[in-house]
N, C-alpha and C. Protein backbone atom coordinates (compact mmCIF):
# COMPACT_ATOMS: atom_id res chain seq x y z
N MET A 1 0.84 -1.18 0.00
CA MET A 1 0.00 0.00 0.00
C MET A 1 0.88 1.24 0.00
N MET A 2 0.49 2.24 -0.78
CA MET A 2 1.22 3.49 -0.85
C MET A 2 0.64 4.47 0.17
N LYS A 3 1.47 4.92 1.12
CA LYS A 3 1.02 5.90 2.11
C LYS A 3 1.45 7.29 1.64
N ILE A 4 0.47 8.21 1.57
CA ILE A 4 0.70 9.55 1.05
C ILE A 4 0.33 10.57 2.12
N LEU A 5 1.26 11.47 2.41
CA LEU A 5 1.02 12.56 3.35
C LEU A 5 0.67 13.80 2.55
N VAL A 6 -0.54 14.34 2.79
CA VAL A 6 -0.98 15.56 2.13
C VAL A 6 -0.89 16.69 3.15
N VAL A 7 -0.14 17.73 2.80
CA VAL A 7 0.05 18.87 3.70
C VAL A 7 -0.59 20.10 3.06
N ASP A 8 -1.67 20.57 3.67
CA ASP A 8 -2.39 21.72 3.12
C ASP A 8 -3.23 22.34 4.22
N ASP A 9 -3.19 23.66 4.34
CA ASP A 9 -3.97 24.31 5.39
C ASP A 9 -5.45 24.41 5.02
N GLU A 10 -5.81 24.07 3.78
CA GLU A 10 -7.22 24.06 3.38
C GLU A 10 -7.81 22.69 3.71
N ARG A 11 -8.67 22.65 4.72
CA ARG A 11 -9.20 21.36 5.19
C ARG A 11 -10.09 20.66 4.18
N ASP A 12 -10.66 21.41 3.23
CA ASP A 12 -11.52 20.76 2.23
C ASP A 12 -10.72 19.88 1.27
N MET A 13 -9.39 20.00 1.27
CA MET A 13 -8.57 19.12 0.43
C MET A 13 -8.72 17.67 0.86
N GLU A 14 -8.91 17.45 2.16
CA GLU A 14 -9.08 16.08 2.66
C GLU A 14 -10.31 15.44 2.02
N THR A 15 -11.42 16.16 1.99
CA THR A 15 -12.65 15.64 1.39
C THR A 15 -12.45 15.38 -0.10
N LEU A 16 -11.78 16.30 -0.77
CA LEU A 16 -11.52 16.14 -2.21
C LEU A 16 -10.73 14.86 -2.48
N PHE A 17 -9.66 14.64 -1.73
CA PHE A 17 -8.83 13.45 -1.93
C PHE A 17 -9.63 12.19 -1.63
N GLU A 18 -10.42 12.21 -0.56
CA GLU A 18 -11.19 11.02 -0.20
C GLU A 18 -12.24 10.71 -1.27
N GLN A 19 -12.79 11.74 -1.90
CA GLN A 19 -13.77 11.51 -2.97
C GLN A 19 -13.08 10.99 -4.23
N ARG A 20 -11.99 11.65 -4.63
CA ARG A 20 -11.32 11.33 -5.89
C ARG A 20 -10.56 10.01 -5.85
N PHE A 21 -10.15 9.58 -4.66
CA PHE A 21 -9.39 8.33 -4.54
C PHE A 21 -10.18 7.27 -3.77
N ARG A 22 -11.50 7.38 -3.81
CA ARG A 22 -12.35 6.46 -3.05
C ARG A 22 -12.03 4.99 -3.37
N LYS A 23 -11.93 4.69 -4.66
CA LYS A 23 -11.69 3.30 -5.08
C LYS A 23 -10.31 2.80 -4.60
N GLU A 24 -9.28 3.64 -4.76
CA GLU A 24 -7.93 3.25 -4.36
C GLU A 24 -7.83 3.06 -2.85
N ILE A 25 -8.55 3.90 -2.11
CA ILE A 25 -8.55 3.77 -0.64
C ILE A 25 -9.28 2.49 -0.24
N ARG A 26 -10.42 2.25 -0.84
CA ARG A 26 -11.22 1.06 -0.52
C ARG A 26 -10.46 -0.22 -0.87
N ASN A 27 -9.70 -0.19 -1.97
CA ASN A 27 -8.94 -1.37 -2.40
C ASN A 27 -7.58 -1.49 -1.70
N HIS A 28 -7.33 -0.62 -0.73
CA HIS A 28 -6.08 -0.61 0.03
C HIS A 28 -4.86 -0.43 -0.86
N GLU A 29 -5.03 0.31 -1.97
CA GLU A 29 -3.90 0.62 -2.83
C GLU A 29 -3.17 1.85 -2.30
N MET A 30 -3.94 2.77 -1.71
CA MET A 30 -3.37 4.01 -1.21
C MET A 30 -4.00 4.36 0.13
N GLU A 31 -3.19 4.98 0.98
CA GLU A 31 -3.69 5.50 2.25
C GLU A 31 -3.23 6.94 2.34
N PHE A 32 -4.15 7.82 2.68
CA PHE A 32 -3.83 9.23 2.80
C PHE A 32 -3.84 9.66 4.26
N VAL A 33 -2.85 10.45 4.63
CA VAL A 33 -2.75 11.05 5.94
C VAL A 33 -2.70 12.55 5.69
N PHE A 34 -3.41 13.34 6.51
CA PHE A 34 -3.48 14.77 6.27
C PHE A 34 -2.88 15.56 7.42
N SER A 35 -2.05 16.54 7.07
CA SER A 35 -1.51 17.50 8.02
C SER A 35 -1.94 18.87 7.53
N TYR A 36 -2.27 19.75 8.47
CA TYR A 36 -2.80 21.06 8.09
C TYR A 36 -1.79 22.19 8.26
N SER A 37 -0.53 21.82 8.52
CA SER A 37 0.54 22.82 8.61
C SER A 37 1.87 22.11 8.41
N GLY A 38 2.88 22.90 8.07
CA GLY A 38 4.23 22.34 7.94
C GLY A 38 4.72 21.76 9.26
N GLU A 39 4.39 22.45 10.35
CA GLU A 39 4.80 21.98 11.68
C GLU A 39 4.20 20.61 11.98
N GLU A 40 2.90 20.47 11.69
CA GLU A 40 2.21 19.19 11.94
C GLU A 40 2.81 18.08 11.07
N ALA A 41 3.16 18.41 9.84
CA ALA A 41 3.75 17.42 8.94
C ALA A 41 5.10 16.94 9.47
N LEU A 42 5.93 17.86 9.95
CA LEU A 42 7.24 17.46 10.48
C LEU A 42 7.09 16.56 11.70
N THR A 43 6.14 16.90 12.56
CA THR A 43 5.88 16.07 13.74
C THR A 43 5.45 14.67 13.33
N PHE A 44 4.57 14.58 12.35
CA PHE A 44 4.11 13.28 11.86
C PHE A 44 5.28 12.48 11.28
N LEU A 45 6.10 13.13 10.47
CA LEU A 45 7.22 12.44 9.82
C LEU A 45 8.24 11.91 10.82
N GLU A 46 8.38 12.59 11.95
CA GLU A 46 9.33 12.11 12.98
C GLU A 46 9.04 10.66 13.35
N GLY A 47 7.77 10.30 13.44
CA GLY A 47 7.43 8.95 13.88
C GLY A 47 7.00 8.00 12.78
N HIS A 48 6.78 8.52 11.56
CA HIS A 48 6.20 7.68 10.52
C HIS A 48 6.93 7.74 9.19
N LEU A 49 8.11 8.31 9.13
CA LEU A 49 8.77 8.53 7.85
C LEU A 49 8.90 7.26 7.03
N SER A 50 9.27 6.16 7.65
CA SER A 50 9.50 4.94 6.88
C SER A 50 8.23 4.43 6.22
N GLU A 51 7.06 4.89 6.68
CA GLU A 51 5.80 4.46 6.08
C GLU A 51 5.40 5.33 4.90
N VAL A 52 5.86 6.58 4.88
CA VAL A 52 5.41 7.54 3.88
C VAL A 52 6.21 7.40 2.60
N VAL A 53 5.51 7.18 1.49
CA VAL A 53 6.14 7.02 0.19
C VAL A 53 6.20 8.36 -0.52
N LEU A 54 5.18 9.18 -0.31
CA LEU A 54 5.05 10.42 -1.05
C LEU A 54 4.48 11.51 -0.16
N ILE A 55 4.97 12.72 -0.35
CA ILE A 55 4.45 13.89 0.35
C ILE A 55 3.95 14.87 -0.70
N LEU A 56 2.70 15.27 -0.58
CA LEU A 56 2.11 16.30 -1.44
C LEU A 56 1.94 17.53 -0.56
N SER A 57 2.64 18.60 -0.86
CA SER A 57 2.58 19.77 0.02
C SER A 57 2.21 21.03 -0.73
N ASP A 58 1.27 21.76 -0.13
CA ASP A 58 0.93 23.09 -0.61
C ASP A 58 2.14 23.99 -0.34
N ILE A 59 2.31 25.03 -1.14
CA ILE A 59 3.43 25.95 -0.90
C ILE A 59 3.02 27.06 0.05
N ASN A 60 1.84 27.65 -0.19
CA ASN A 60 1.43 28.82 0.58
C ASN A 60 0.61 28.43 1.80
N MET A 61 1.31 28.36 2.95
CA MET A 61 0.66 28.03 4.22
C MET A 61 1.21 28.96 5.29
N PRO A 62 0.39 29.26 6.30
CA PRO A 62 0.90 30.07 7.42
C PRO A 62 1.94 29.26 8.20
N GLY A 63 2.83 29.96 8.89
CA GLY A 63 3.86 29.24 9.65
C GLY A 63 4.94 28.76 8.69
N ILE A 64 5.28 27.48 8.79
CA ILE A 64 6.27 26.90 7.89
C ILE A 64 5.63 26.76 6.51
N SER A 65 6.18 27.46 5.52
CA SER A 65 5.64 27.35 4.16
C SER A 65 6.01 25.99 3.57
N GLY A 66 5.37 25.66 2.46
CA GLY A 66 5.69 24.41 1.79
C GLY A 66 7.14 24.35 1.34
N LEU A 67 7.69 25.49 0.91
CA LEU A 67 9.09 25.50 0.48
C LEU A 67 10.02 25.28 1.67
N ASP A 68 9.70 25.88 2.82
CA ASP A 68 10.49 25.63 4.04
C ASP A 68 10.40 24.16 4.43
N LEU A 69 9.19 23.62 4.36
CA LEU A 69 8.97 22.20 4.69
C LEU A 69 9.80 21.31 3.77
N LEU A 70 9.75 21.59 2.48
CA LEU A 70 10.51 20.82 1.50
C LEU A 70 12.00 20.83 1.85
N GLN A 71 12.52 22.02 2.14
CA GLN A 71 13.94 22.14 2.47
C GLN A 71 14.28 21.31 3.71
N ARG A 72 13.45 21.41 4.74
CA ARG A 72 13.71 20.65 5.98
C ARG A 72 13.64 19.14 5.74
N ILE A 73 12.66 18.71 4.93
CA ILE A 73 12.52 17.27 4.64
C ILE A 73 13.76 16.76 3.92
N LYS A 74 14.20 17.50 2.91
CA LYS A 74 15.34 17.05 2.10
C LYS A 74 16.64 17.04 2.90
N ILE A 75 16.76 17.92 3.88
CA ILE A 75 17.97 17.95 4.72
C ILE A 75 17.91 16.87 5.79
N LYS A 76 16.76 16.73 6.43
CA LYS A 76 16.64 15.87 7.61
C LYS A 76 16.38 14.40 7.29
N PHE A 77 15.57 14.14 6.27
CA PHE A 77 15.14 12.77 6.01
C PHE A 77 15.75 12.25 4.71
N LYS A 78 17.00 11.82 4.81
CA LYS A 78 17.70 11.37 3.61
C LYS A 78 17.42 9.91 3.26
N THR A 79 17.18 9.08 4.27
CA THR A 79 16.92 7.66 4.01
C THR A 79 15.69 7.20 4.77
N PRO A 80 14.69 6.67 4.14
CA PRO A 80 14.55 6.71 2.67
C PRO A 80 14.10 8.11 2.27
N PRO A 81 14.58 8.59 1.12
CA PRO A 81 14.15 9.93 0.73
C PRO A 81 12.72 9.89 0.20
N PRO A 82 11.80 10.57 0.86
CA PRO A 82 10.43 10.55 0.35
C PRO A 82 10.33 11.37 -0.93
N ILE A 83 9.40 10.99 -1.78
CA ILE A 83 9.12 11.76 -2.98
C ILE A 83 8.27 12.95 -2.54
N VAL A 84 8.64 14.16 -2.94
CA VAL A 84 7.90 15.35 -2.55
C VAL A 84 7.39 16.07 -3.79
N MET A 85 6.06 16.20 -3.86
CA MET A 85 5.43 16.97 -4.94
C MET A 85 4.84 18.23 -4.32
N MET A 86 5.15 19.37 -4.90
CA MET A 86 4.65 20.64 -4.39
C MET A 86 3.37 21.02 -5.14
N ILE A 87 2.44 21.65 -4.39
CA ILE A 87 1.17 22.09 -4.97
C ILE A 87 1.00 23.57 -4.66
N THR A 88 0.62 24.34 -5.67
CA THR A 88 0.38 25.76 -5.42
C THR A 88 -0.71 26.30 -6.34
N ALA A 89 -1.41 27.28 -5.84
CA ALA A 89 -2.41 27.97 -6.66
C ALA A 89 -1.70 28.96 -7.58
N TYR A 90 -0.46 29.23 -7.26
CA TYR A 90 0.30 30.18 -8.05
C TYR A 90 1.37 29.44 -8.84
N GLY A 91 1.07 29.10 -10.07
CA GLY A 91 2.02 28.33 -10.87
C GLY A 91 3.06 29.23 -11.50
N ASP A 92 3.62 30.14 -10.71
CA ASP A 92 4.57 31.09 -11.29
C ASP A 92 5.97 30.50 -11.33
N ALA A 93 6.78 31.10 -12.18
CA ALA A 93 8.14 30.59 -12.41
C ALA A 93 8.99 30.64 -11.16
N ASP A 94 8.79 31.67 -10.31
CA ASP A 94 9.57 31.79 -9.08
C ASP A 94 9.39 30.60 -8.15
N ASN A 95 8.12 30.29 -7.82
CA ASN A 95 7.83 29.15 -6.95
C ASN A 95 8.34 27.86 -7.56
N TYR A 96 8.13 27.71 -8.86
CA TYR A 96 8.56 26.48 -9.55
C TYR A 96 10.07 26.31 -9.44
N SER A 97 10.82 27.35 -9.81
CA SER A 97 12.28 27.21 -9.81
C SER A 97 12.82 27.03 -8.39
N GLN A 98 12.21 27.72 -7.42
CA GLN A 98 12.65 27.57 -6.03
C GLN A 98 12.36 26.15 -5.53
N ALA A 99 11.18 25.63 -5.84
CA ALA A 99 10.82 24.26 -5.42
C ALA A 99 11.77 23.24 -6.03
N MET A 100 12.07 23.39 -7.31
CA MET A 100 12.96 22.43 -7.97
C MET A 100 14.38 22.54 -7.42
N ARG A 101 14.82 23.75 -7.15
CA ARG A 101 16.16 23.96 -6.60
C ARG A 101 16.29 23.32 -5.22
N LEU A 102 15.19 23.34 -4.46
CA LEU A 102 15.21 22.76 -3.11
C LEU A 102 15.03 21.24 -3.12
N GLY A 103 14.81 20.66 -4.30
CA GLY A 103 14.75 19.21 -4.39
C GLY A 103 13.37 18.62 -4.59
N ALA A 104 12.39 19.44 -4.98
CA ALA A 104 11.05 18.89 -5.25
C ALA A 104 11.14 17.89 -6.39
N ASP A 105 10.36 16.83 -6.29
CA ASP A 105 10.35 15.81 -7.34
C ASP A 105 9.35 16.14 -8.43
N ASP A 106 8.37 16.98 -8.09
CA ASP A 106 7.35 17.35 -9.08
C ASP A 106 6.64 18.60 -8.58
N PHE A 107 5.83 19.20 -9.44
CA PHE A 107 5.17 20.47 -9.14
C PHE A 107 3.79 20.45 -9.78
N LEU A 108 2.76 20.67 -8.98
CA LEU A 108 1.38 20.66 -9.49
C LEU A 108 0.71 21.98 -9.15
N THR A 109 -0.27 22.38 -9.96
CA THR A 109 -0.97 23.62 -9.66
C THR A 109 -2.42 23.33 -9.29
N LYS A 110 -2.98 24.25 -8.47
CA LYS A 110 -4.40 24.18 -8.09
C LYS A 110 -5.19 24.98 -9.11
N PRO A 111 -6.42 24.60 -9.40
CA PRO A 111 -7.07 23.41 -8.86
C PRO A 111 -6.39 22.15 -9.38
N LEU A 112 -6.25 21.18 -8.50
CA LEU A 112 -5.54 19.94 -8.85
C LEU A 112 -6.25 19.18 -9.95
N ASP A 113 -5.47 18.72 -10.89
CA ASP A 113 -5.98 17.83 -11.93
C ASP A 113 -5.79 16.41 -11.37
N PHE A 114 -6.86 15.86 -10.80
CA PHE A 114 -6.75 14.56 -10.12
C PHE A 114 -6.43 13.42 -11.08
N ASN A 115 -6.87 13.53 -12.34
CA ASN A 115 -6.53 12.49 -13.31
C ASN A 115 -5.03 12.48 -13.57
N LEU A 116 -4.45 13.67 -13.70
CA LEU A 116 -3.00 13.77 -13.88
C LEU A 116 -2.27 13.24 -12.65
N LEU A 117 -2.75 13.62 -11.47
CA LEU A 117 -2.13 13.15 -10.22
C LEU A 117 -2.19 11.63 -10.14
N LYS A 118 -3.34 11.04 -10.47
CA LYS A 118 -3.45 9.57 -10.43
C LYS A 118 -2.44 8.92 -11.36
N GLN A 119 -2.26 9.50 -12.55
CA GLN A 119 -1.27 8.97 -13.50
C GLN A 119 0.13 9.03 -12.90
N LYS A 120 0.46 10.16 -12.30
CA LYS A 120 1.79 10.32 -11.70
C LYS A 120 2.00 9.31 -10.58
N LEU A 121 0.96 9.09 -9.76
CA LEU A 121 1.07 8.16 -8.64
C LEU A 121 1.24 6.72 -9.14
N LYS A 122 0.54 6.39 -10.22
CA LYS A 122 0.65 5.03 -10.77
C LYS A 122 2.03 4.76 -11.35
N ASN A 123 2.71 5.82 -11.76
CA ASN A 123 4.03 5.66 -12.38
C ASN A 123 5.17 5.68 -11.37
N LEU A 124 4.85 5.88 -10.10
CA LEU A 124 5.89 5.89 -9.07
C LEU A 124 6.39 4.48 -8.81
N PRO A 125 7.68 4.36 -8.46
CA PRO A 125 8.16 3.03 -8.08
C PRO A 125 7.48 2.57 -6.79
N HIS A 126 7.09 1.33 -6.72
CA HIS A 126 6.42 0.80 -5.53
C HIS A 126 7.37 -0.11 -4.78
N ASP A 127 7.80 0.37 -3.62
CA ASP A 127 8.63 -0.45 -2.74
C ASP A 127 7.74 -0.94 -1.62
N GLU A 128 7.56 -2.23 -1.54
CA GLU A 128 6.64 -2.79 -0.54
C GLU A 128 7.15 -2.58 0.87
N ASN A 129 8.47 -2.50 1.06
CA ASN A 129 9.03 -2.33 2.39
C ASN A 129 9.98 -1.13 2.42
N PRO A 130 9.43 0.09 2.33
CA PRO A 130 10.34 1.24 2.35
C PRO A 130 11.09 1.29 3.68
N GLY A 131 12.35 1.65 3.59
CA GLY A 131 13.14 1.82 4.79
C GLY A 131 13.75 0.53 5.31
N SER A 132 13.54 -0.58 4.62
CA SER A 132 14.14 -1.83 5.13
C SER A 132 15.33 -2.24 4.31
């Protein structure tokens, strides 16, 4: 099962993901965990990093921004390195280049194209025992 951490201060994202990935969740192909701030995400990762295959993080959040979170993840959690996809409502060149420079694996814009996201998730390498 692929465990995905979604980091976004907009709580309605949780409902959107649960609706759009209903079949994958029911079939135990994917499990989603939600954090509503960068701080909450870091706390979660401290105890669960080896379970998380992918992190989807919004860029514009109060407190620790998505770019700050990305930088901290890439510095602190080297093994196994989680795949980090950044999400922003502002698909501008600045955010994109900064995210890629900090080590983002991919970049998506809001509103999320869930069909595109599903394709990207299906193409990820599946390691049944991450961290072992």
